[in-house]
Amino acid sequence: MPAAADNFGMHCDRIRRSKFSSQAPKLMILQWHMANPIPRRSFVNLCLRAGVASAALVKLDQRPTVAVEPIKRPGSPRLLLSLAAYSFRDYFVSTSHKRDKETDTAKRIDMFQFVDYCADHGCQGAEVTSYYFPSDVDHAYLTKLKRHAFLRGVALSGTAVGNTFTHSAGEKRNNEIASVKKWIDRAQTMGAPHVRVFAGGTERNSKADAKKLCIEALEECCAYAGTKGIVLGLENHGGIVPEADDTVDIVRAVQSPWIGINLDTGNFNTADPYADIAKCAPYAVNVQFKSEIHRRGQKKEATDFDRVMKILHEANYQGYVALEYEAAEDPWQAVPGLLKRMKESF
C-alpha cells in the first residue's frame, strides 16, 4: 500500500508543522482514515510508522464500529428473479474448471447468450459467474456485456468468484486477495453490484485461527470494495462456514458496511436447513436458490419453495433470488420450469 503510506505520511507531516490543540491531530488522523477506507491493521501500521503514539492510537480507535447487524430495510419484501450462470456450468464455451460431464458442443453458449437466455425466460437479473468468462477477458469485453444486458432489459445482478481466505500470510494469500479485488474492479465495470466470495477451509490452521484469517482478508477486500460501490456476499459453503452460526459470526465480525451473506439455500447439510436459512436471511445481500436441500444423514429432497420464500418475506428481504441449478436433470429441461415455480412462489 505504498500510495496510501505516502499520502498518510504527508498528512502527518502537515499536522506536525501546524499549531493545533492536543486533540486536533487525533481528529485529523481519524478524518484521514474515514476518507481513505483501508483495513484497520494496515491503518494501525501506518500510524505506528508515522510516529503516532500508541496511547493516542488506542484513544483514536475508540470509535463506533460498523460491524454488520441484521439489515433493516424500509418498505415491504421484494424478490427479484435472477439466474446463476453456474446452472449451465457444463455448457459454457469458456470455463476455468473441468466440466462435470462432456456435453454436446452444439448446445454450448457464451456469456452473451446466457444473458439472452435470462431475458427470454423473464429474469430481471443475470448472475454472471466469473468461471465462464474468457481467459483473456478485458475492459472492452466487460463493457460490451454491460451494454448487451442493458439492451435486453436484464440487470447483471452480480458475479461470483472462487477464493480461499484462510491461507496464512504469504504468496497464496496475497494472490487470493488480489484475485478478489480484480473481480471487484470487473464487477464495477459491468455495473454488477455484488460479488459472491468464499471463506475457505482450515488450511492446517485451527478453526479459530482460520476464521481470524478470513475476517482480516474480508476486511481488506471490503475496504477496497467500498471504494468501488460493490457489496461482498460471504457464502455458506462448507469449510469454516458449514452452518448458519459460523457464517453469521464471521460477517458480524467484519467491520465494514460492504459485507453481507450470500445465502445459498442448498448448502446447509444440517438437521434443519430451513432453520439455518432463517438465521442467515436477515443478513442476506444475495440469495442463491437451490431446487434441493440435504438434511444431515438423509437423501436429498425437493426444496419447499413456499417455505423458503416465506422465510425471505419474514426477513423483509429485498433483492435478487438467483436460481443456481445443481440437480441431476439436464438444465435445459429443468431450469425453465423451476424459474416459473420461483416466480409463482414470489
Protein backbone atom coordinates (compact mmCIF):
# COMPACT_ATOMS: atom_id res chain seq x y z
CA MET A 1 0.00 0.00 0.00
CA PRO A 2 2.76 2.48 -0.94
CA ALA A 3 0.43 5.20 -2.22
CA ALA A 4 -1.62 5.20 0.99
CA ALA A 5 1.56 5.25 3.07
CA ASP A 6 2.95 8.26 1.18
CA ASN A 7 -0.38 10.07 1.40
CA PHE A 8 -0.67 9.37 5.13
CA GLY A 9 2.93 10.37 5.82
CA MET A 10 2.49 13.75 4.15
CA HIS A 11 -0.75 14.27 6.09
CA CYS A 12 1.05 13.60 9.39
CA ASP A 13 3.88 15.96 8.43
CA ARG A 14 1.39 18.74 7.83
CA ILE A 15 -0.15 18.09 11.24
CA ARG A 16 3.27 18.22 12.99
CA ARG A 17 4.14 21.55 11.32
CA SER A 18 0.83 23.12 12.33
CA LYS A 19 -0.19 24.67 15.65
CA PHE A 20 -3.12 22.62 16.82
CA SER A 21 -4.53 21.71 20.20
CA SER A 22 -3.51 18.35 21.68
CA GLN A 23 -6.71 16.69 20.48
CA ALA A 24 -6.81 18.09 16.96
CA PRO A 25 -4.12 15.81 15.44
CA LYS A 26 -6.03 12.72 16.55
CA LEU A 27 -9.20 14.04 14.99
CA MET A 28 -7.41 14.91 11.74
CA ILE A 29 -5.87 11.44 11.54
CA LEU A 30 -9.30 9.91 12.12
CA GLN A 31 -10.73 12.10 9.35
CA TRP A 32 -7.98 10.83 7.01
CA HIS A 33 -8.91 7.23 7.85
CA MET A 34 -12.59 7.84 7.18
CA ALA A 35 -11.74 9.39 3.80
CA ASN A 36 -9.30 6.56 2.97
CA PRO A 37 -11.03 3.28 3.95
CA ILE A 38 -8.20 0.80 4.44
CA PRO A 39 -8.17 -2.27 6.71
CA ARG A 40 -7.74 -1.50 10.43
CA ARG A 41 -4.48 -3.46 10.68
CA SER A 42 -2.98 -1.52 7.76
CA PHE A 43 -4.16 1.75 9.30
CA VAL A 44 -2.56 0.88 12.64
CA ASN A 45 0.72 0.04 10.90
CA LEU A 46 0.68 3.37 9.06
CA CYS A 47 0.09 5.21 12.33
CA LEU A 48 2.99 3.45 14.04
CA ARG A 49 5.35 4.06 11.13
CA ALA A 50 4.34 7.73 11.09
CA GLY A 51 5.19 8.05 14.79
CA VAL A 52 1.68 8.31 16.23
CA ALA A 53 1.98 7.45 19.93
CA SER A 54 0.44 4.10 20.80
CA ALA A 55 -1.65 5.59 23.61
CA ALA A 56 -3.08 8.17 21.24
CA LEU A 57 -3.75 5.45 18.70
CA VAL A 58 -5.76 3.45 21.23
CA LYS A 59 -7.87 6.52 22.00
CA LEU A 60 -8.24 7.28 18.32
CA ASP A 61 -9.57 3.82 17.64
CA GLN A 62 -12.28 4.11 20.29
CA ARG A 63 -14.98 4.90 17.75
CA PRO A 64 -18.27 3.20 16.89
CA THR A 65 -17.71 0.04 14.87
CA VAL A 66 -19.57 -0.68 11.67
CA ALA A 67 -19.95 -4.41 12.22
CA VAL A 68 -22.85 -5.85 10.26
CA GLU A 69 -26.14 -6.27 12.08
CA PRO A 70 -29.39 -7.63 10.62
CA ILE A 71 -30.25 -5.43 7.67
CA LYS A 72 -33.18 -3.13 8.36
CA ARG A 73 -34.95 -2.36 5.10
CA PRO A 74 -37.91 0.02 4.94
CA GLY A 75 -40.95 -0.98 2.96
CA SER A 76 -42.13 -4.43 2.02
CA PRO A 77 -40.29 -7.56 0.84
CA ARG A 78 -39.35 -7.51 -2.84
CA LEU A 79 -37.91 -10.59 -4.55
CA LEU A 80 -36.28 -10.20 -7.96
CA LEU A 81 -35.74 -13.24 -10.17
CA SER A 82 -32.21 -13.96 -11.36
CA LEU A 83 -30.37 -16.96 -12.75
CA ALA A 84 -26.81 -18.01 -11.97
CA ALA A 85 -24.58 -18.89 -14.90
CA TYR A 86 -23.32 -21.78 -12.77
CA SER A 87 -26.61 -23.52 -13.61
CA PHE A 88 -25.19 -24.19 -17.10
CA ARG A 89 -21.64 -24.95 -15.90
CA ASP A 90 -21.13 -27.81 -18.38
CA TYR A 91 -22.34 -25.81 -21.36
CA PHE A 92 -20.16 -22.71 -21.48
CA VAL A 93 -17.68 -22.37 -24.30
CA SER A 94 -15.19 -20.86 -21.86
CA THR A 95 -14.63 -22.45 -18.46
CA SER A 96 -11.89 -22.24 -15.85
CA HIS A 97 -12.55 -25.73 -14.49
CA LYS A 98 -13.16 -29.21 -15.79
CA ARG A 99 -16.73 -29.96 -16.84
CA ASP A 100 -18.63 -32.46 -14.72
CA LYS A 101 -19.60 -34.21 -17.93
CA GLU A 102 -18.94 -33.84 -21.62
CA THR A 103 -21.76 -32.07 -23.41
CA ASP A 104 -22.99 -31.50 -26.94
CA THR A 105 -20.85 -28.71 -28.39
CA ALA A 106 -23.87 -27.52 -30.38
CA LYS A 107 -25.54 -26.57 -27.08
CA ARG A 108 -22.63 -24.56 -25.73
CA ILE A 109 -23.10 -20.87 -25.04
CA ASP A 110 -21.09 -17.78 -24.17
CA MET A 111 -21.96 -15.15 -21.57
CA PHE A 112 -23.87 -13.02 -24.07
CA GLN A 113 -26.10 -15.96 -24.96
CA PHE A 114 -26.60 -16.66 -21.28
CA VAL A 115 -27.87 -13.11 -20.78
CA ASP A 116 -30.20 -13.66 -23.73
CA TYR A 117 -31.49 -16.82 -22.06
CA CYS A 118 -32.23 -14.89 -18.87
CA ALA A 119 -34.11 -12.24 -20.84
CA ASP A 120 -36.09 -14.82 -22.80
CA HIS A 121 -37.20 -16.54 -19.59
CA GLY A 122 -38.40 -13.42 -17.79
CA CYS A 123 -35.49 -12.95 -15.39
CA GLN A 124 -34.85 -9.49 -14.02
CA GLY A 125 -31.22 -10.33 -13.35
CA ALA A 126 -28.37 -12.49 -14.58
CA GLU A 127 -25.62 -13.66 -12.22
CA VAL A 128 -22.52 -13.88 -14.40
CA THR A 129 -20.23 -16.35 -12.63
CA SER A 130 -16.56 -15.49 -13.12
CA TYR A 131 -15.61 -19.06 -14.06
CA TYR A 132 -17.18 -18.79 -17.51
CA PHE A 133 -15.60 -15.62 -18.85
CA PRO A 134 -12.88 -15.95 -21.50
CA SER A 135 -9.38 -16.22 -20.02
CA ASP A 136 -8.41 -13.03 -21.86
CA VAL A 137 -11.41 -11.01 -20.64
CA ASP A 138 -10.70 -7.28 -20.79
CA HIS A 139 -12.39 -3.93 -20.26
CA ALA A 140 -13.85 -3.92 -23.77
CA TYR A 141 -15.48 -7.33 -23.24
CA LEU A 142 -16.98 -6.28 -19.91
CA THR A 143 -18.43 -3.02 -21.24
CA LYS A 144 -19.83 -4.83 -24.27
CA LEU A 145 -21.56 -7.34 -21.97
CA LYS A 146 -22.93 -4.49 -19.85
CA ARG A 147 -24.41 -2.82 -22.94
CA HIS A 148 -25.83 -6.11 -24.19
CA ALA A 149 -27.58 -6.79 -20.88
CA PHE A 150 -28.98 -3.27 -20.76
CA LEU A 151 -30.44 -3.56 -24.25
CA ARG A 152 -32.07 -6.87 -23.28
CA GLY A 153 -33.58 -5.29 -20.16
CA VAL A 154 -31.61 -7.52 -17.79
CA ALA A 155 -29.54 -6.31 -14.84
CA LEU A 156 -26.25 -8.04 -14.14
CA SER A 157 -27.20 -8.89 -10.58
CA GLY A 158 -23.69 -9.89 -9.54
CA THR A 159 -20.76 -12.15 -10.18
CA ALA A 160 -19.23 -14.99 -8.18
CA VAL A 161 -15.59 -15.86 -7.61
CA GLY A 162 -13.73 -18.86 -6.22
CA ASN A 163 -11.30 -17.97 -3.44
CA THR A 164 -9.75 -19.16 -0.19
CA PHE A 165 -9.27 -16.55 2.55
CA THR A 166 -7.84 -18.89 5.19
CA HIS A 167 -4.27 -19.21 3.93
CA SER A 168 -1.62 -17.93 6.32
CA ALA A 169 0.40 -14.87 5.35
CA GLY A 170 2.33 -15.37 2.15
CA GLU A 171 2.07 -15.54 -1.62
CA LYS A 172 -1.01 -17.80 -1.75
CA ARG A 173 -2.99 -15.47 0.48
CA ASN A 174 -1.83 -12.37 -1.38
CA ASN A 175 -2.88 -13.94 -4.69
CA GLU A 176 -6.35 -14.82 -3.39
CA ILE A 177 -6.95 -11.28 -2.15
CA ALA A 178 -5.61 -9.80 -5.40
CA SER A 179 -7.94 -12.03 -7.44
CA VAL A 180 -11.00 -10.92 -5.49
CA LYS A 181 -10.00 -7.26 -5.88
CA LYS A 182 -9.61 -7.83 -9.62
CA TRP A 183 -13.18 -9.12 -9.83
CA ILE A 184 -14.41 -6.23 -7.71
CA ASP A 185 -12.98 -3.97 -10.42
CA ARG A 186 -14.63 -6.07 -13.11
CA ALA A 187 -17.96 -6.03 -11.30
CA GLN A 188 -17.80 -2.25 -11.16
CA THR A 189 -17.09 -2.09 -14.89
CA MET A 190 -20.09 -4.33 -15.63
CA GLY A 191 -22.37 -2.46 -13.25
CA ALA A 192 -22.84 -5.61 -11.15
CA PRO A 193 -23.31 -4.51 -7.51
CA HIS A 194 -22.46 -7.80 -5.78
CA VAL A 195 -19.57 -10.26 -5.68
CA ARG A 196 -20.03 -13.66 -4.06
CA VAL A 197 -16.95 -14.81 -2.11
CA PHE A 198 -15.99 -17.93 -0.18
CA ALA A 199 -14.31 -18.28 3.21
CA GLY A 200 -12.20 -21.41 2.80
CA GLY A 201 -11.21 -24.38 4.94
CA THR A 202 -8.89 -24.55 7.90
CA GLU A 203 -5.83 -24.98 5.64
CA ARG A 204 -3.97 -26.75 8.52
CA ASN A 205 -4.83 -23.95 10.95
CA SER A 206 -7.20 -24.26 13.88
CA LYS A 207 -10.76 -23.22 13.08
CA ALA A 208 -10.39 -20.16 15.30
CA ASP A 209 -7.21 -19.08 13.51
CA ALA A 210 -8.77 -19.78 10.12
CA LYS A 211 -11.74 -17.59 11.00
CA LYS A 212 -9.41 -14.79 12.07
CA LEU A 213 -7.50 -15.02 8.78
CA CYS A 214 -10.77 -14.96 6.84
CA ILE A 215 -12.06 -11.92 8.74
CA GLU A 216 -8.84 -10.00 8.09
CA ALA A 217 -8.95 -10.79 4.36
CA LEU A 218 -12.61 -9.81 4.17
CA GLU A 219 -11.90 -6.50 5.90
CA GLU A 220 -9.17 -5.71 3.39
CA CYS A 221 -11.35 -6.65 0.42
CA CYS A 222 -14.37 -4.80 1.84
CA ALA A 223 -12.32 -1.66 2.30
CA TYR A 224 -11.43 -1.89 -1.38
CA ALA A 225 -14.96 -2.87 -2.46
CA GLY A 226 -16.40 0.13 -0.65
CA THR A 227 -14.36 2.49 -2.82
CA LYS A 228 -15.98 0.86 -5.88
CA GLY A 229 -19.53 0.66 -4.53
CA ILE A 230 -19.53 -3.14 -4.55
CA VAL A 231 -21.04 -5.35 -1.83
CA LEU A 232 -19.38 -8.66 -0.96
CA GLY A 233 -21.53 -11.64 -0.03
CA LEU A 234 -19.91 -14.41 2.02
CA GLU A 235 -21.47 -17.73 1.05
CA ASN A 236 -22.34 -20.51 3.48
CA HIS A 237 -20.18 -23.01 1.64
CA GLY A 238 -18.69 -25.68 3.90
CA GLY A 239 -15.13 -25.29 5.16
CA ILE A 240 -15.25 -22.95 8.16
CA VAL A 241 -18.83 -21.86 7.35
CA PRO A 242 -20.82 -25.13 7.19
CA GLU A 243 -23.64 -23.82 9.36
CA ALA A 244 -25.53 -20.58 9.86
CA ASP A 245 -23.87 -19.60 13.15
CA ASP A 246 -20.38 -19.80 11.65
CA THR A 247 -21.38 -17.67 8.67
CA VAL A 248 -23.17 -15.04 10.75
CA ASP A 249 -20.28 -14.86 13.26
CA ILE A 250 -17.75 -14.04 10.54
CA VAL A 251 -19.93 -11.50 8.76
CA ARG A 252 -20.72 -9.73 12.04
CA ALA A 253 -17.04 -9.64 12.98
CA VAL A 254 -16.03 -7.87 9.75
CA GLN A 255 -16.05 -4.15 10.45
CA SER A 256 -17.49 -2.97 7.16
CA PRO A 257 -20.89 -1.97 5.78
CA TRP A 258 -19.87 -3.61 2.48
CA ILE A 259 -20.33 -7.22 3.62
CA GLY A 260 -23.37 -9.48 3.94
CA ILE A 261 -24.31 -13.11 3.39
CA ASN A 262 -24.69 -14.73 0.01
CA LEU A 263 -27.37 -17.12 1.20
CA ASP A 264 -27.20 -20.46 -0.63
CA THR A 265 -30.36 -22.36 0.32
CA GLY A 266 -28.93 -25.75 -0.65
CA ASN A 267 -25.62 -25.66 1.20
CA PHE A 268 -26.75 -26.48 4.73
CA ASN A 269 -26.15 -30.18 5.36
CA THR A 270 -27.64 -29.87 8.83
CA ALA A 271 -30.51 -31.33 10.87
CA ASP A 272 -32.79 -28.44 9.87
CA PRO A 273 -31.61 -26.49 6.80
CA TYR A 274 -34.69 -24.25 6.92
CA ALA A 275 -33.76 -23.05 10.42
CA ASP A 276 -30.27 -22.19 9.15
CA ILE A 277 -31.74 -20.33 6.18
CA ALA A 278 -33.89 -18.32 8.60
CA LYS A 279 -30.83 -17.40 10.71
CA CYS A 280 -28.95 -16.10 7.68
CA ALA A 281 -31.82 -14.37 5.88
CA PRO A 282 -31.64 -11.11 7.91
CA TYR A 283 -28.02 -10.67 6.74
CA ALA A 284 -28.58 -11.66 3.11
CA VAL A 285 -27.42 -9.38 0.32
CA ASN A 286 -27.99 -12.03 -2.35
CA VAL A 287 -29.81 -15.36 -2.41
CA GLN A 288 -28.88 -18.39 -4.48
CA PHE A 289 -31.87 -20.70 -4.59
CA LYS A 290 -31.36 -24.45 -4.95
CA SER A 291 -34.11 -26.86 -6.02
CA GLU A 292 -32.94 -29.42 -3.44
CA ILE A 293 -31.94 -29.44 0.22
CA HIS A 294 -29.85 -32.05 2.02
CA ARG A 295 -30.61 -32.80 5.67
CA ARG A 296 -27.78 -34.39 7.63
CA GLY A 297 -27.78 -38.17 7.26
CA GLN A 298 -30.61 -38.20 4.72
CA LYS A 299 -31.01 -38.23 0.96
CA LYS A 300 -31.56 -35.00 -0.92
CA GLU A 301 -35.14 -33.82 -1.11
CA ALA A 302 -37.04 -31.24 -3.11
CA THR A 303 -36.93 -27.75 -1.65
CA ASP A 304 -40.19 -26.38 -0.29
CA PHE A 305 -40.39 -23.27 -2.49
CA ASP A 306 -43.13 -21.56 -0.49
CA ARG A 307 -41.36 -22.19 2.83
CA VAL A 308 -38.12 -20.58 1.63
CA MET A 309 -39.95 -17.58 0.18
CA LYS A 310 -41.91 -17.19 3.43
CA ILE A 311 -38.59 -17.05 5.32
CA LEU A 312 -37.30 -14.36 2.96
CA HIS A 313 -40.52 -12.39 3.31
CA GLU A 314 -40.36 -12.58 7.11
CA ALA A 315 -36.79 -11.21 6.95
CA ASN A 316 -38.10 -8.40 4.72
CA TYR A 317 -35.53 -9.38 2.10
CA GLN A 318 -35.37 -7.06 -0.89
CA GLY A 319 -33.10 -8.18 -3.68
CA TYR A 320 -32.22 -10.88 -6.14
CA VAL A 321 -33.06 -14.54 -5.73
CA ALA A 322 -30.93 -16.36 -8.29
CA LEU A 323 -31.68 -19.93 -9.27
CA GLU A 324 -28.44 -21.88 -9.04
CA TYR A 325 -29.32 -25.25 -10.52
CA GLU A 326 -27.32 -28.28 -9.39
CA ALA A 327 -29.69 -31.25 -9.66
CA ALA A 328 -29.17 -34.24 -11.96
CA GLU A 329 -31.67 -33.44 -14.72
CA ASP A 330 -30.45 -31.62 -17.84
CA PRO A 331 -30.59 -27.87 -17.05
CA TRP A 332 -32.04 -27.10 -20.48
CA GLN A 333 -35.05 -29.20 -19.48
CA ALA A 334 -35.28 -28.36 -15.77
CA VAL A 335 -34.43 -24.65 -15.47
CA PRO A 336 -37.46 -23.15 -17.31
CA GLY A 337 -39.92 -24.94 -15.05
CA LEU A 338 -38.01 -24.04 -11.91
CA LEU A 339 -37.91 -20.36 -12.87
CA LYS A 340 -41.66 -20.46 -13.42
CA ARG A 341 -42.23 -22.04 -9.99
CA MET A 342 -39.99 -19.47 -8.35
CA LYS A 343 -41.95 -16.60 -9.88
CA GLU A 344 -45.19 -18.14 -8.66
CA SER A 345 -43.84 -18.55 -5.13
CA PHE A 346 -42.57 -14.95 -5.02
